[in-house]
Each structure stands twice: as structure tokens, then as C-alpha cells.
């Protein structure tokens, strides 16, 4: 019984870590890649007119 409760707690902690750390990093990386590809394909659009992404160093 204790193993089940400890397992549930570990799964919950892993879920919370993924939701708060891993998934936002993955989506931010994907968004940066998409933005870079978008401006590369659409060179007539000036990327300086758009606000930079949070943490964007490009």
C-alpha cells in the first residue's frame, strides 16, 4: 500500500516538473525555430517591427 502512495506522489511530482519546466522550454525552442524560419522565408517582412520573444538573444 505504501509503495502505491509513494508511486503516486512521485508521478505527481514528475508531472508538475514537466508542466512547469520541460514543456515550456520545448515550446519556446519550437517557437524560436518557427519564427526564424518564417522570417527567412518572408524576407519582405521586417523582423525589427515585431517585439522580440522572451529570452530571445537573436
C-alpha atoms as a PDB file:
ATOM      1  CA  UNK A   1       0.000   0.000   0.000  1.00  0.00           C
ATOM      2  CA  UNK A   2       2.808   2.427   0.842  1.00  0.00           C
ATOM      3  CA  UNK A   3       4.516   1.720  -2.473  1.00  0.00           C
ATOM      4  CA  UNK A   4       1.352   2.719  -4.299  1.00  0.00           C
ATOM      5  CA  UNK A   5       1.083   6.027  -2.405  1.00  0.00           C
ATOM      6  CA  UNK A   6       4.778   6.812  -2.881  1.00  0.00           C
ATOM      7  CA  UNK A   7       4.453   5.950  -6.581  1.00  0.00           C
ATOM      8  CA  UNK A   8       1.500   8.305  -6.984  1.00  0.00           C
ATOM      9  CA  UNK A   9       3.436  11.098  -5.250  1.00  0.00           C
ATOM     10  CA  UNK A  10       6.470  10.530  -7.492  1.00  0.00           C
ATOM     11  CA  UNK A  11       4.283  10.562 -10.604  1.00  0.00           C
ATOM     12  CA  UNK A  12       2.628  13.793  -9.465  1.00  0.00           C
ATOM     13  CA  UNK A  13       5.989  15.478  -8.790  1.00  0.00           C
ATOM     14  CA  UNK A  14       7.301  14.332 -12.196  1.00  0.00           C
ATOM     15  CA  UNK A  15       4.149  15.662 -13.859  1.00  0.00           C
ATOM     16  CA  UNK A  16       4.484  19.043 -12.133  1.00  0.00           C
ATOM     17  CA  UNK A  17       8.155  19.318 -13.129  1.00  0.00           C
ATOM     18  CA  UNK A  18       7.344  18.529 -16.745  1.00  0.00           C
ATOM     19  CA  UNK A  19       4.495  21.023 -16.855  1.00  0.00           C
ATOM     20  CA  UNK A  20       6.451  23.824 -15.201  1.00  0.00           C
ATOM     21  CA  UNK A  21       9.935  23.320 -16.692  1.00  0.00           C
ATOM     22  CA  UNK A  22      10.225  20.882 -19.587  1.00  0.00           C
ATOM     23  CA  UNK A  23       7.143  21.683 -21.679  1.00  0.00           C
ATOM     24  CA  UNK A  24       7.620  25.488 -21.654  1.00  0.00           C
ATOM     25  CA  UNK A  25      11.269  25.083 -22.720  1.00  0.00           C
ATOM     26  CA  UNK A  26      10.265  22.770 -25.562  1.00  0.00           C
ATOM     27  CA  UNK A  27       7.547  25.122 -26.795  1.00  0.00           C
ATOM     28  CA  UNK A  28       9.845  28.159 -26.551  1.00  0.00           C
ATOM     29  CA  UNK A  29      12.502  26.368 -28.598  1.00  0.00           C
ATOM     30  CA  UNK A  30       9.908  25.366 -31.182  1.00  0.00           C
ATOM     31  CA  UNK A  31       8.522  28.907 -31.364  1.00  0.00           C
ATOM     32  CA  UNK A  32      12.005  30.387 -31.871  1.00  0.00           C
ATOM     33  CA  UNK A  33      12.695  27.924 -34.680  1.00  0.00           C
ATOM     34  CA  UNK A  34       9.365  28.700 -36.346  1.00  0.00           C
ATOM     35  CA  UNK A  35       9.970  32.452 -36.056  1.00  0.00           C
ATOM     36  CA  UNK A  36      13.449  32.132 -37.550  1.00  0.00           C
ATOM     37  CA  UNK A  37      12.157  30.038 -40.465  1.00  0.00           C
ATOM     38  CA  UNK A  38       9.217  32.398 -41.001  1.00  0.00           C
ATOM     39  CA  UNK A  39      11.399  35.476 -41.369  1.00  0.00           C
ATOM     40  CA  UNK A  40      13.835  33.558 -43.555  1.00  0.00           C
ATOM     41  CA  UNK A  41      11.024  32.577 -45.954  1.00  0.00           C
ATOM     42  CA  UNK A  42       9.356  36.002 -45.819  1.00  0.00           C
ATOM     43  CA  UNK A  43      12.256  38.371 -46.225  1.00  0.00           C
ATOM     44  CA  UNK A  44       9.967  41.239 -47.232  1.00  0.00           C
ATOM     45  CA  UNK A  45       8.711  41.363 -43.633  1.00  0.00           C
ATOM     46  CA  UNK A  46      10.929  43.382 -41.314  1.00  0.00           C
ATOM     47  CA  UNK A  47      11.519  41.387 -38.136  1.00  0.00           C
ATOM     48  CA  UNK A  48      12.589  44.547 -36.261  1.00  0.00           C
ATOM     49  CA  UNK A  49       8.976  45.742 -36.180  1.00  0.00           C
ATOM     50  CA  UNK A  50       7.920  42.741 -34.104  1.00  0.00           C
ATOM     51  CA  UNK A  51       8.672  42.509 -30.397  1.00  0.00           C
ATOM     52  CA  UNK A  52      11.410  40.033 -29.516  1.00  0.00           C
ATOM     53  CA  UNK A  53      10.481  36.785 -27.852  1.00  0.00           C
ATOM     54  CA  UNK A  54      11.079  36.413 -24.145  1.00  0.00           C
ATOM     55  CA  UNK A  55      14.716  35.415 -23.676  1.00  0.00           C
ATOM     56  CA  UNK A  56      15.476  35.842 -27.379  1.00  0.00           C
ATOM     57  CA  UNK A  57      19.125  36.717 -27.969  1.00  0.00           C
ATOM     58  CA  UNK A  58      18.975  36.719 -31.796  1.00  0.00           C
END
